[in-house]
Full PDB file with SEQRES, HELIX, SHEET, SSBOND, CRYST1, ORIGX, SCALE, CONECT and MASTER records, all heavy atoms in Angstrom:
SEQRES   1 A   35  VAL TYR LEU ASP TYR PRO SER VAL GLY ALA THR GLU ASN          
SEQRES   2 A   35  VAL MET MET ALA ALA ALA LEU LEU PRO GLY ASP THR VAL          
SEQRES   3 A   35  ILE HIS ASN ALA ALA ARG GLU PRO GLU                          
HELIX    1 AA1 VAL A    8  ALA A   18  1                                  11    
CRYST1    1.000    1.000    1.000  90.00  90.00  90.00 P 1           1          
ORIGX1      1.000000  0.000000  0.000000        0.00000                         
ORIGX2      0.000000  1.000000  0.000000        0.00000                         
ORIGX3      0.000000  0.000000  1.000000        0.00000                         
SCALE1      1.000000  0.000000  0.000000        0.00000                         
SCALE2      0.000000  1.000000  0.000000        0.00000                         
SCALE3      0.000000  0.000000  1.000000        0.00000                         
ATOM      1  N   VAL A   1      99.825  98.859 121.590  1.00  0.00           N  
ATOM      2  CA  VAL A   1      98.929  99.997 121.808  1.00  0.00           C  
ATOM      3  C   VAL A   1      97.622  99.736 121.030  1.00  0.00           C  
ATOM      4  O   VAL A   1      97.617  99.480 119.837  1.00  0.00           O  
ATOM      5  CB  VAL A   1      99.591 101.294 121.289  1.00  0.00           C  
ATOM      6  CG1 VAL A   1      98.656 102.472 121.403  1.00  0.00           C  
ATOM      7  CG2 VAL A   1     100.906 101.583 122.060  1.00  0.00           C  
ATOM      8  N   TYR A   2      96.523  99.774 121.760  1.00  0.00           N  
ATOM      9  CA  TYR A   2      95.227  99.660 121.104  1.00  0.00           C  
ATOM     10  C   TYR A   2      94.515 101.003 121.167  1.00  0.00           C  
ATOM     11  O   TYR A   2      94.323 101.529 122.287  1.00  0.00           O  
ATOM     12  CB  TYR A   2      94.362  98.580 121.747  1.00  0.00           C  
ATOM     13  CG  TYR A   2      92.968  98.493 121.146  1.00  0.00           C  
ATOM     14  CD1 TYR A   2      92.731  97.904 119.916  1.00  0.00           C  
ATOM     15  CD2 TYR A   2      91.884  99.144 121.805  1.00  0.00           C  
ATOM     16  CE1 TYR A   2      91.480  97.904 119.377  1.00  0.00           C  
ATOM     17  CE2 TYR A   2      90.633  99.129 121.257  1.00  0.00           C  
ATOM     18  CZ  TYR A   2      90.421  98.510 120.043  1.00  0.00           C  
ATOM     19  OH  TYR A   2      89.179  98.508 119.461  1.00  0.00           O  
ATOM     20  N   LEU A   3      94.084 101.533 119.998  1.00  0.00           N  
ATOM     21  CA  LEU A   3      93.365 102.780 119.974  1.00  0.00           C  
ATOM     22  C   LEU A   3      91.875 102.500 119.906  1.00  0.00           C  
ATOM     23  O   LEU A   3      91.405 101.789 119.022  1.00  0.00           O  
ATOM     24  CB  LEU A   3      93.793 103.627 118.765  1.00  0.00           C  
ATOM     25  CG  LEU A   3      95.267 104.002 118.718  1.00  0.00           C  
ATOM     26  CD1 LEU A   3      95.568 104.748 117.421  1.00  0.00           C  
ATOM     27  CD2 LEU A   3      95.654 104.879 119.918  1.00  0.00           C  
ATOM     28  N   ASP A   4      91.091 103.078 120.805  1.00  0.00           N  
ATOM     29  CA  ASP A   4      89.641 102.859 120.819  1.00  0.00           C  
ATOM     30  C   ASP A   4      88.990 103.435 119.587  1.00  0.00           C  
ATOM     31  O   ASP A   4      87.897 102.998 119.189  1.00  0.00           O  
ATOM     32  CB  ASP A   4      89.067 103.489 122.060  1.00  0.00           C  
ATOM     33  CG  ASP A   4      89.518 102.824 123.354  1.00  0.00           C  
ATOM     34  OD1 ASP A   4      89.518 101.556 123.378  1.00  0.00           O  
ATOM     35  OD2 ASP A   4      89.886 103.536 124.319  1.00  0.00           O  
ATOM     36  N   TYR A   5      89.627 104.438 118.996  1.00  0.00           N  
ATOM     37  CA  TYR A   5      89.166 105.027 117.717  1.00  0.00           C  
ATOM     38  C   TYR A   5      90.387 105.262 116.855  1.00  0.00           C  
ATOM     39  O   TYR A   5      91.428 105.632 117.379  1.00  0.00           O  
ATOM     40  CB  TYR A   5      88.457 106.364 118.015  1.00  0.00           C  
ATOM     41  CG  TYR A   5      87.957 107.098 116.817  1.00  0.00           C  
ATOM     42  CD1 TYR A   5      86.681 106.808 116.259  1.00  0.00           C  
ATOM     43  CD2 TYR A   5      88.702 108.088 116.191  1.00  0.00           C  
ATOM     44  CE1 TYR A   5      86.210 107.484 115.126  1.00  0.00           C  
ATOM     45  CE2 TYR A   5      88.249 108.764 115.052  1.00  0.00           C  
ATOM     46  CZ  TYR A   5      87.006 108.449 114.550  1.00  0.00           C  
ATOM     47  OH  TYR A   5      86.534 109.084 113.454  1.00  0.00           O  
ATOM     48  N   PRO A   6      90.256 105.090 115.521  1.00  0.00           N  
ATOM     49  CA  PRO A   6      91.452 105.257 114.678  1.00  0.00           C  
ATOM     50  C   PRO A   6      91.827 106.724 114.493  1.00  0.00           C  
ATOM     51  O   PRO A   6      91.711 107.298 113.431  1.00  0.00           O  
ATOM     52  CB  PRO A   6      91.014 104.622 113.334  1.00  0.00           C  
ATOM     53  CG  PRO A   6      89.521 104.761 113.336  1.00  0.00           C  
ATOM     54  CD  PRO A   6      89.093 104.582 114.744  1.00  0.00           C  
ATOM     55  N   SER A   7      92.361 107.291 115.559  1.00  0.00           N  
ATOM     56  CA  SER A   7      92.729 108.687 115.581  1.00  0.00           C  
ATOM     57  C   SER A   7      94.026 108.902 114.765  1.00  0.00           C  
ATOM     58  O   SER A   7      95.014 108.222 115.021  1.00  0.00           O  
ATOM     59  CB  SER A   7      92.973 109.181 117.022  1.00  0.00           C  
ATOM     60  OG  SER A   7      93.732 110.366 117.046  1.00  0.00           O  
ATOM     61  N   VAL A   8      94.021 109.859 113.835  1.00  0.00           N  
ATOM     62  CA  VAL A   8      95.194 110.128 113.009  1.00  0.00           C  
ATOM     63  C   VAL A   8      96.316 110.653 113.932  1.00  0.00           C  
ATOM     64  O   VAL A   8      97.435 110.111 113.892  1.00  0.00           O  
ATOM     65  CB  VAL A   8      94.891 111.160 111.935  1.00  0.00           C  
ATOM     66  CG1 VAL A   8      96.124 111.560 111.185  1.00  0.00           C  
ATOM     67  CG2 VAL A   8      93.831 110.600 110.969  1.00  0.00           C  
ATOM     68  N   GLY A   9      96.049 111.654 114.718  1.00  0.00           N  
ATOM     69  CA  GLY A   9      97.098 112.227 115.562  1.00  0.00           C  
ATOM     70  C   GLY A   9      97.687 111.259 116.546  1.00  0.00           C  
ATOM     71  O   GLY A   9      98.906 111.237 116.775  1.00  0.00           O  
ATOM     72  N   ALA A  10      96.826 110.460 117.202  1.00  0.00           N  
ATOM     73  CA  ALA A  10      97.289 109.493 118.191  1.00  0.00           C  
ATOM     74  C   ALA A  10      98.151 108.423 117.512  1.00  0.00           C  
ATOM     75  O   ALA A  10      99.229 108.050 118.046  1.00  0.00           O  
ATOM     76  CB  ALA A  10      96.124 108.847 118.906  1.00  0.00           C  
ATOM     77  N   THR A  11      97.729 107.967 116.339  1.00  0.00           N  
ATOM     78  CA  THR A  11      98.557 106.987 115.589  1.00  0.00           C  
ATOM     79  C   THR A  11      99.941 107.570 115.287  1.00  0.00           C  
ATOM     80  O   THR A  11     100.971 106.911 115.511  1.00  0.00           O  
ATOM     81  CB  THR A  11      97.857 106.630 114.272  1.00  0.00           C  
ATOM     82  OG1 THR A  11      96.568 106.018 114.534  1.00  0.00           O  
ATOM     83  CG2 THR A  11      98.660 105.624 113.479  1.00  0.00           C  
ATOM     84  N   GLU A  12      99.975 108.817 114.792  1.00  0.00           N  
ATOM     85  CA  GLU A  12     101.265 109.404 114.445  1.00  0.00           C  
ATOM     86  C   GLU A  12     102.117 109.657 115.669  1.00  0.00           C  
ATOM     87  O   GLU A  12     103.314 109.456 115.628  1.00  0.00           O  
ATOM     88  CB  GLU A  12     100.977 110.723 113.680  1.00  0.00           C  
ATOM     89  CG  GLU A  12     100.311 110.431 112.311  1.00  0.00           C  
ATOM     90  CD  GLU A  12      99.838 111.722 111.617  1.00  0.00           C  
ATOM     91  OE1 GLU A  12      99.523 112.715 112.295  1.00  0.00           O  
ATOM     92  OE2 GLU A  12      99.816 111.720 110.395  1.00  0.00           O  
ATOM     93  N   ASN A  13     101.530 110.080 116.779  1.00  0.00           N  
ATOM     94  CA  ASN A  13     102.288 110.352 117.984  1.00  0.00           C  
ATOM     95  C   ASN A  13     102.960 109.088 118.494  1.00  0.00           C  
ATOM     96  O   ASN A  13     104.145 109.095 118.868  1.00  0.00           O  
ATOM     97  CB  ASN A  13     101.432 110.947 119.054  1.00  0.00           C  
ATOM     98  CG  ASN A  13     101.850 112.323 119.494  1.00  0.00           C  
ATOM     99  OD1 ASN A  13     103.033 112.613 119.439  1.00  0.00           O  
ATOM    100  ND2 ASN A  13     100.927 113.158 119.909  1.00  0.00           N  
ATOM    101  N   VAL A  14     102.239 107.965 118.505  1.00  0.00           N  
ATOM    102  CA  VAL A  14     102.813 106.731 118.996  1.00  0.00           C  
ATOM    103  C   VAL A  14     103.894 106.270 118.050  1.00  0.00           C  
ATOM    104  O   VAL A  14     104.966 105.751 118.483  1.00  0.00           O  
ATOM    105  CB  VAL A  14     101.734 105.632 119.156  1.00  0.00           C  
ATOM    106  CG1 VAL A  14     102.362 104.314 119.501  1.00  0.00           C  
ATOM    107  CG2 VAL A  14     100.725 106.056 120.224  1.00  0.00           C  
ATOM    108  N   MET A  15     103.681 106.400 116.714  1.00  0.00           N  
ATOM    109  CA  MET A  15     104.725 106.006 115.763  1.00  0.00           C  
ATOM    110  C   MET A  15     106.035 106.732 116.047  1.00  0.00           C  
ATOM    111  O   MET A  15     107.128 106.130 116.058  1.00  0.00           O  
ATOM    112  CB  MET A  15     104.251 106.347 114.329  1.00  0.00           C  
ATOM    113  CG  MET A  15     103.197 105.454 113.776  1.00  0.00           C  
ATOM    114  SD  MET A  15     102.489 106.122 112.209  1.00  0.00           S  
ATOM    115  CE  MET A  15     103.922 106.069 111.116  1.00  0.00           C  
ATOM    116  N   MET A  16     105.963 108.039 116.294  1.00  0.00           N  
ATOM    117  CA  MET A  16     107.137 108.846 116.485  1.00  0.00           C  
ATOM    118  C   MET A  16     107.794 108.577 117.841  1.00  0.00           C  
ATOM    119  O   MET A  16     109.009 108.549 117.985  1.00  0.00           O  
ATOM    120  CB  MET A  16     106.803 110.307 116.303  1.00  0.00           C  
ATOM    121  CG  MET A  16     106.436 110.675 114.891  1.00  0.00           C  
ATOM    122  SD  MET A  16     106.120 112.452 114.631  1.00  0.00           S  
ATOM    123  CE  MET A  16     104.458 112.650 115.316  1.00  0.00           C  
ATOM    124  N   ALA A  17     106.931 108.372 118.889  1.00  0.00           N  
ATOM    125  CA  ALA A  17     107.455 108.090 120.202  1.00  0.00           C  
ATOM    126  C   ALA A  17     108.243 106.795 120.232  1.00  0.00           C  
ATOM    127  O   ALA A  17     109.237 106.621 120.966  1.00  0.00           O  
ATOM    128  CB  ALA A  17     106.332 108.049 121.241  1.00  0.00           C  
ATOM    129  N   ALA A  18     107.815 105.812 119.432  1.00  0.00           N  
ATOM    130  CA  ALA A  18     108.417 104.477 119.438  1.00  0.00           C  
ATOM    131  C   ALA A  18     109.632 104.363 118.512  1.00  0.00           C  
ATOM    132  O   ALA A  18     110.347 103.351 118.563  1.00  0.00           O  
ATOM    133  CB  ALA A  18     107.373 103.432 119.014  1.00  0.00           C  
ATOM    134  N   ALA A  19     109.892 105.372 117.705  1.00  0.00           N  
ATOM    135  CA  ALA A  19     110.904 105.254 116.654  1.00  0.00           C  
ATOM    136  C   ALA A  19     112.290 104.931 117.197  1.00  0.00           C  
ATOM    137  O   ALA A  19     113.019 104.183 116.506  1.00  0.00           O  
ATOM    138  CB  ALA A  19     110.968 106.544 115.802  1.00  0.00           C  
ATOM    139  N   LEU A  20     112.645 105.433 118.387  1.00  0.00           N  
ATOM    140  CA  LEU A  20     113.976 105.225 118.939  1.00  0.00           C  
ATOM    141  C   LEU A  20     113.966 104.291 120.144  1.00  0.00           C  
ATOM    142  O   LEU A  20     114.985 104.206 120.818  1.00  0.00           O  
ATOM    143  CB  LEU A  20     114.577 106.593 119.298  1.00  0.00           C  
ATOM    144  CG  LEU A  20     114.814 107.568 118.138  1.00  0.00           C  
ATOM    145  CD1 LEU A  20     115.261 108.903 118.670  1.00  0.00           C  
ATOM    146  CD2 LEU A  20     115.787 107.011 117.119  1.00  0.00           C  
ATOM    147  N   LEU A  21     112.864 103.572 120.374  1.00  0.00           N  
ATOM    148  CA  LEU A  21     112.788 102.661 121.521  1.00  0.00           C  
ATOM    149  C   LEU A  21     113.255 101.280 121.047  1.00  0.00           C  
ATOM    150  O   LEU A  21     112.712 100.766 120.063  1.00  0.00           O  
ATOM    151  CB  LEU A  21     111.338 102.561 122.039  1.00  0.00           C  
ATOM    152  CG  LEU A  21     110.736 103.787 122.751  1.00  0.00           C  
ATOM    153  CD1 LEU A  21     109.290 103.499 123.136  1.00  0.00           C  
ATOM    154  CD2 LEU A  21     111.534 104.154 123.946  1.00  0.00           C  
ATOM    155  N   PRO A  22     114.182 100.658 121.706  1.00  0.00           N  
ATOM    156  CA  PRO A  22     114.587  99.318 121.293  1.00  0.00           C  
ATOM    157  C   PRO A  22     113.484  98.311 121.454  1.00  0.00           C  
ATOM    158  O   PRO A  22     112.809  98.286 122.505  1.00  0.00           O  
ATOM    159  CB  PRO A  22     115.762  99.027 122.251  1.00  0.00           C  
ATOM    160  CG  PRO A  22     115.534  99.939 123.433  1.00  0.00           C  
ATOM    161  CD  PRO A  22     114.892 101.152 122.910  1.00  0.00           C  
ATOM    162  N   GLY A  23     113.222  97.530 120.394  1.00  0.00           N  
ATOM    163  CA  GLY A  23     112.156  96.550 120.433  1.00  0.00           C  
ATOM    164  C   GLY A  23     111.006  96.956 119.541  1.00  0.00           C  
ATOM    165  O   GLY A  23     111.068  97.961 118.805  1.00  0.00           O  
ATOM    166  N   ASP A  24     109.932  96.134 119.525  1.00  0.00           N  
ATOM    167  CA  ASP A  24     108.808  96.335 118.629  1.00  0.00           C  
ATOM    168  C   ASP A  24     107.603  96.926 119.374  1.00  0.00           C  
ATOM    169  O   ASP A  24     107.192  96.432 120.422  1.00  0.00           O  
ATOM    170  CB  ASP A  24     108.427  95.000 118.001  1.00  0.00           C  
ATOM    171  CG  ASP A  24     109.408  94.489 116.972  1.00  0.00           C  
ATOM    172  OD1 ASP A  24     110.408  95.235 116.731  1.00  0.00           O  
ATOM    173  OD2 ASP A  24     109.186  93.431 116.431  1.00  0.00           O  
ATOM    174  N   THR A  25     107.053  97.959 118.784  1.00  0.00           N  
ATOM    175  CA  THR A  25     105.798  98.535 119.217  1.00  0.00           C  
ATOM    176  C   THR A  25     104.722  98.263 118.161  1.00  0.00           C  
ATOM    177  O   THR A  25     105.006  98.515 116.964  1.00  0.00           O  
ATOM    178  CB  THR A  25     105.909 100.034 119.473  1.00  0.00           C  
ATOM    179  OG1 THR A  25     106.771 100.263 120.586  1.00  0.00           O  
ATOM    180  CG2 THR A  25     104.555 100.696 119.749  1.00  0.00           C  
ATOM    181  N   VAL A  26     103.545  97.787 118.554  1.00  0.00           N  
ATOM    182  CA  VAL A  26     102.502  97.462 117.605  1.00  0.00           C  
ATOM    183  C   VAL A  26     101.303  98.344 117.952  1.00  0.00           C  
ATOM    184  O   VAL A  26     100.822  98.366 119.087  1.00  0.00           O  
ATOM    185  CB  VAL A  26     102.111  95.989 117.653  1.00  0.00           C  
ATOM    186  CG1 VAL A  26     101.026  95.667 116.637  1.00  0.00           C  
ATOM    187  CG2 VAL A  26     103.358  95.108 117.360  1.00  0.00           C  
ATOM    188  N   ILE A  27     100.797  99.057 116.931  1.00  0.00           N  
ATOM    189  CA  ILE A  27      99.631  99.924 117.066  1.00  0.00           C  
ATOM    190  C   ILE A  27      98.440  99.206 116.414  1.00  0.00           C  
ATOM    191  O   ILE A  27      98.430  98.956 115.207  1.00  0.00           O  
ATOM    192  CB  ILE A  27      99.857 101.283 116.449  1.00  0.00           C  
ATOM    193  CG1 ILE A  27     101.130 101.945 116.979  1.00  0.00           C  
ATOM    194  CG2 ILE A  27      98.674 102.181 116.698  1.00  0.00           C  
ATOM    195  CD1 ILE A  27     101.543 103.161 116.178  1.00  0.00           C  
ATOM    196  N   HIS A  28      97.419  98.883 117.192  1.00  0.00           N  
ATOM    197  CA  HIS A  28      96.208  98.242 116.720  1.00  0.00           C  
ATOM    198  C   HIS A  28      95.112  99.256 116.550  1.00  0.00           C  
ATOM    199  O   HIS A  28      94.974 100.187 117.305  1.00  0.00           O  
ATOM    200  CB  HIS A  28      95.765  97.130 117.724  1.00  0.00           C  
ATOM    201  CG  HIS A  28      96.793  96.139 117.969  1.00  0.00           C  
ATOM    202  ND1 HIS A  28      96.957  94.990 117.210  1.00  0.00           N  
ATOM    203  CD2 HIS A  28      97.729  96.065 118.941  1.00  0.00           C  
ATOM    204  CE1 HIS A  28      97.976  94.266 117.691  1.00  0.00           C  
ATOM    205  NE2 HIS A  28      98.491  94.901 118.750  1.00  0.00           N  
ATOM    206  N   ASN A  29      94.257  99.030 115.527  1.00  0.00           N  
ATOM    207  CA  ASN A  29      93.171  99.928 115.157  1.00  0.00           C  
ATOM    208  C   ASN A  29      93.759 101.321 114.826  1.00  0.00           C  
ATOM    209  O   ASN A  29      93.230 102.380 115.177  1.00  0.00           O  
ATOM    210  CB  ASN A  29      92.116 100.100 116.283  1.00  0.00           C  
ATOM    211  CG  ASN A  29      90.800 100.736 115.779  1.00  0.00           C  
ATOM    212  OD1 ASN A  29      90.471 100.567 114.598  1.00  0.00           O  
ATOM    213  ND2 ASN A  29      90.133 101.458 116.602  1.00  0.00           N  
ATOM    214  N   ALA A  30      94.858 101.273 114.100  1.00  0.00           N  
ATOM    215  CA  ALA A  30      95.541 102.506 113.650  1.00  0.00           C  
ATOM    216  C   ALA A  30      94.711 103.220 112.591  1.00  0.00           C  
ATOM    217  O   ALA A  30      93.967 102.563 111.832  1.00  0.00           O  
ATOM    218  CB  ALA A  30      96.910 102.174 113.085  1.00  0.00           C  
ATOM    219  N   ALA A  31      94.828 104.526 112.495  1.00  0.00           N  
ATOM    220  CA  ALA A  31      94.221 105.279 111.385  1.00  0.00           C  
ATOM    221  C   ALA A  31      94.927 104.940 110.079  1.00  0.00           C  
ATOM    222  O   ALA A  31      96.115 104.540 110.083  1.00  0.00           O  
ATOM    223  CB  ALA A  31      94.305 106.777 111.668  1.00  0.00           C  
ATOM    224  N   ARG A  32      94.249 105.103 108.940  1.00  0.00           N  
ATOM    225  CA  ARG A  32      94.777 104.640 107.687  1.00  0.00           C  
ATOM    226  C   ARG A  32      94.923 105.753 106.634  1.00  0.00           C  
ATOM    227  O   ARG A  32      95.101 105.486 105.485  1.00  0.00           O  
ATOM    228  CB  ARG A  32      93.852 103.546 107.090  1.00  0.00           C  
ATOM    229  CG  ARG A  32      93.799 102.270 107.924  1.00  0.00           C  
ATOM    230  CD  ARG A  32      92.927 101.207 107.276  1.00  0.00           C  
ATOM    231  NE  ARG A  32      91.522 101.523 107.402  1.00  0.00           N  
ATOM    232  CZ  ARG A  32      90.565 100.915 106.681  1.00  0.00           C  
ATOM    233  NH1 ARG A  32      90.911 100.004 105.797  1.00  0.00           N  
ATOM    234  NH2 ARG A  32      89.318 101.244 106.890  1.00  0.00           N  
ATOM    235  N   GLU A  33      94.885 106.995 107.081  1.00  0.00           N  
ATOM    236  CA  GLU A  33      94.923 108.129 106.182  1.00  0.00           C  
ATOM    237  C   GLU A  33      96.243 108.128 105.362  1.00  0.00           C  
ATOM    238  O   GLU A  33      97.284 107.660 105.819  1.00  0.00           O  
ATOM    239  CB  GLU A  33      94.840 109.421 106.916  1.00  0.00           C  
ATOM    240  CG  GLU A  33      93.404 109.908 107.148  1.00  0.00           C  
ATOM    241  CD  GLU A  33      92.580 109.053 108.088  1.00  0.00           C  
ATOM    242  OE1 GLU A  33      93.119 108.122 108.714  1.00  0.00           O  
ATOM    243  OE2 GLU A  33      91.388 109.266 108.190  1.00  0.00           O  
ATOM    244  N   PRO A  34      96.242 108.662 104.120  1.00  0.00           N  
ATOM    245  CA  PRO A  34      97.422 108.756 103.278  1.00  0.00           C  
ATOM    246  C   PRO A  34      98.551 109.485 103.977  1.00  0.00           C  
ATOM    247  O   PRO A  34      99.771 109.156 103.734  1.00  0.00           O  
ATOM    248  CB  PRO A  34      96.954 109.501 102.043  1.00  0.00           C  
ATOM    249  CG  PRO A  34      95.505 109.301 101.977  1.00  0.00           C  
ATOM    250  CD  PRO A  34      95.026 109.187 103.403  1.00  0.00           C  
ATOM    251  N   GLU A  35      98.244 110.435 104.830  1.00  0.00           N  
ATOM    252  CA  GLU A  35      99.303 111.172 105.522  1.00  0.00           C  
ATOM    253  C   GLU A  35     100.081 110.358 106.503  1.00  0.00           C  
ATOM    254  O   GLU A  35     101.256 110.595 106.790  1.00  0.00           O  
ATOM    255  CB  GLU A  35      98.699 112.407 106.204  1.00  0.00           C  
ATOM    256  CG  GLU A  35      98.125 113.456 105.304  1.00  0.00           C  
ATOM    257  CD  GLU A  35      96.773 113.148 104.732  1.00  0.00           C  
ATOM    258  OE1 GLU A  35      96.120 112.170 105.203  1.00  0.00           O  
ATOM    259  OE2 GLU A  35      96.295 113.831 103.782  1.00  0.00           O  
TER     260      GLU A  35                                                      
MASTER        0    0    0    1    0    0    0    6  259    1    0    3          
END                                                                             
């Protein structure tokens, strides 16, 4: 997954959507907020 802008919400949504999917999901240009 490549994000055109480091969106906090989009980064978090993809993280959670991928949590139970078998295999590796990679998020590029992810947001870096402490949250």
